[in-house]
Amino acid sequence: MTFGTAALKRPGVASDEPQADKSLDAAWLVLEAANDLGDHATVEVCRRVIDAGLNGTPASPSELQLILDYFR
């Protein structure tokens, strides 16, 4: 089991959850890890994705991809 796969699965969450919600959850997880590792560039990307999600605007596809691939 890889950490990234396990971290993105939450018990009790329906599989039909909107993709934006999953991306926002992933951004919060990556934000915490990046903070712990002192990865300032990734912290900024996470903040932009989280802000976009909270404002209802689309996040950059390249920034979303960075977040989704962070634990690989």
C-alpha atoms as a PDB file:
ATOM      1  CA  MET A   1       0.000   0.000   0.000  1.00  0.00           C
ATOM      2  CA  THR A   2       1.408   3.357  -0.965  1.00  0.00           C
ATOM      3  CA  PHE A   3       1.005   6.370   1.250  1.00  0.00           C
ATOM      4  CA  GLY A   4      -0.467   8.533  -1.507  1.00  0.00           C
ATOM      5  CA  THR A   5      -3.169   6.032  -2.375  1.00  0.00           C
ATOM      6  CA  ALA A   6      -4.071   5.456   1.249  1.00  0.00           C
ATOM      7  CA  ALA A   7      -4.090   9.161   2.034  1.00  0.00           C
ATOM      8  CA  LEU A   8      -6.540   9.967  -0.750  1.00  0.00           C
ATOM      9  CA  LYS A   9      -9.083   7.349   0.364  1.00  0.00           C
ATOM     10  CA  ARG A  10     -11.336   8.395   3.191  1.00  0.00           C
ATOM     11  CA  PRO A  11     -13.631   5.893   4.871  1.00  0.00           C
ATOM     12  CA  GLY A  12     -17.308   6.719   4.665  1.00  0.00           C
ATOM     13  CA  VAL A  13     -17.030   8.933   1.590  1.00  0.00           C
ATOM     14  CA  ALA A  14     -19.143   7.970  -1.378  1.00  0.00           C
ATOM     15  CA  SER A  15     -17.288   7.134  -4.581  1.00  0.00           C
ATOM     16  CA  ASP A  16     -19.434   9.590  -6.554  1.00  0.00           C
ATOM     17  CA  GLU A  17     -17.968  12.552  -4.645  1.00  0.00           C
ATOM     18  CA  PRO A  18     -17.295  15.448  -7.047  1.00  0.00           C
ATOM     19  CA  GLN A  19     -13.738  15.598  -8.411  1.00  0.00           C
ATOM     20  CA  ALA A  20     -13.280  19.147  -7.107  1.00  0.00           C
ATOM     21  CA  ASP A  21     -13.887  17.931  -3.546  1.00  0.00           C
ATOM     22  CA  LYS A  22     -11.337  15.140  -3.972  1.00  0.00           C
ATOM     23  CA  SER A  23      -8.791  17.580  -5.357  1.00  0.00           C
ATOM     24  CA  LEU A  24      -9.380  19.959  -2.467  1.00  0.00           C
ATOM     25  CA  ASP A  25      -8.952  17.136   0.057  1.00  0.00           C
ATOM     26  CA  ALA A  26      -5.734  16.073  -1.671  1.00  0.00           C
ATOM     27  CA  ALA A  27      -4.482  19.670  -1.617  1.00  0.00           C
ATOM     28  CA  TRP A  28      -4.960  19.830   2.160  1.00  0.00           C
ATOM     29  CA  LEU A  29      -3.047  16.547   2.629  1.00  0.00           C
ATOM     30  CA  VAL A  30      -0.201  17.682   0.391  1.00  0.00           C
ATOM     31  CA  LEU A  31      -0.140  21.094   2.095  1.00  0.00           C
ATOM     32  CA  GLU A  32       0.448  19.430   5.450  1.00  0.00           C
ATOM     33  CA  ALA A  33       3.192  17.162   4.075  1.00  0.00           C
ATOM     34  CA  ALA A  34       4.875  19.989   2.161  1.00  0.00           C
ATOM     35  CA  ASN A  35       4.842  22.164   5.290  1.00  0.00           C
ATOM     36  CA  ASP A  36       6.459  19.357   7.292  1.00  0.00           C
ATOM     37  CA  LEU A  37       9.146  18.912   4.628  1.00  0.00           C
ATOM     38  CA  GLY A  38       9.790  22.630   4.140  1.00  0.00           C
ATOM     39  CA  ASP A  39       8.715  22.410   0.482  1.00  0.00           C
ATOM     40  CA  HIS A  40       7.738  26.065   0.084  1.00  0.00           C
ATOM     41  CA  ALA A  41       6.996  25.923  -3.644  1.00  0.00           C
ATOM     42  CA  THR A  42       4.474  23.116  -3.163  1.00  0.00           C
ATOM     43  CA  VAL A  43       2.924  24.912  -0.192  1.00  0.00           C
ATOM     44  CA  GLU A  44       2.210  27.887  -2.479  1.00  0.00           C
ATOM     45  CA  VAL A  45       0.677  25.609  -5.133  1.00  0.00           C
ATOM     46  CA  CYS A  46      -1.542  23.991  -2.502  1.00  0.00           C
ATOM     47  CA  ARG A  47      -2.669  27.370  -1.215  1.00  0.00           C
ATOM     48  CA  ARG A  48      -3.647  28.472  -4.727  1.00  0.00           C
ATOM     49  CA  VAL A  49      -5.596  25.247  -5.347  1.00  0.00           C
ATOM     50  CA  ILE A  50      -7.334  25.473  -1.968  1.00  0.00           C
ATOM     51  CA  ASP A  51      -8.210  29.147  -2.528  1.00  0.00           C
ATOM     52  CA  ALA A  52      -9.612  28.323  -5.968  1.00  0.00           C
ATOM     53  CA  GLY A  53     -11.686  25.479  -4.530  1.00  0.00           C
ATOM     54  CA  LEU A  54     -13.074  27.643  -1.750  1.00  0.00           C
ATOM     55  CA  ASN A  55     -13.881  30.449  -4.201  1.00  0.00           C
ATOM     56  CA  GLY A  56     -15.560  28.093  -6.662  1.00  0.00           C
ATOM     57  CA  THR A  57     -13.090  28.846  -9.448  1.00  0.00           C
ATOM     58  CA  PRO A  58     -11.192  26.177 -11.380  1.00  0.00           C
ATOM     59  CA  ALA A  59      -7.628  25.493 -10.334  1.00  0.00           C
ATOM     60  CA  SER A  60      -4.803  25.228 -12.823  1.00  0.00           C
ATOM     61  CA  PRO A  61      -4.663  21.711 -14.320  1.00  0.00           C
ATOM     62  CA  SER A  62      -0.872  21.632 -13.946  1.00  0.00           C
ATOM     63  CA  GLU A  63      -1.126  22.550 -10.259  1.00  0.00           C
ATOM     64  CA  LEU A  64      -3.781  19.890  -9.694  1.00  0.00           C
ATOM     65  CA  GLN A  65      -1.529  17.326 -11.364  1.00  0.00           C
ATOM     66  CA  LEU A  66       1.390  18.294  -9.115  1.00  0.00           C
ATOM     67  CA  ILE A  67      -0.806  17.744  -6.054  1.00  0.00           C
ATOM     68  CA  LEU A  68      -2.171  14.422  -7.259  1.00  0.00           C
ATOM     69  CA  ASP A  69       1.345  13.146  -8.058  1.00  0.00           C
ATOM     70  CA  TYR A  70       3.044  14.468  -4.892  1.00  0.00           C
ATOM     71  CA  PHE A  71       3.287  11.152  -3.028  1.00  0.00           C
ATOM     72  CA  ARG A  72       4.384   9.087  -6.035  1.00  0.00           C
END
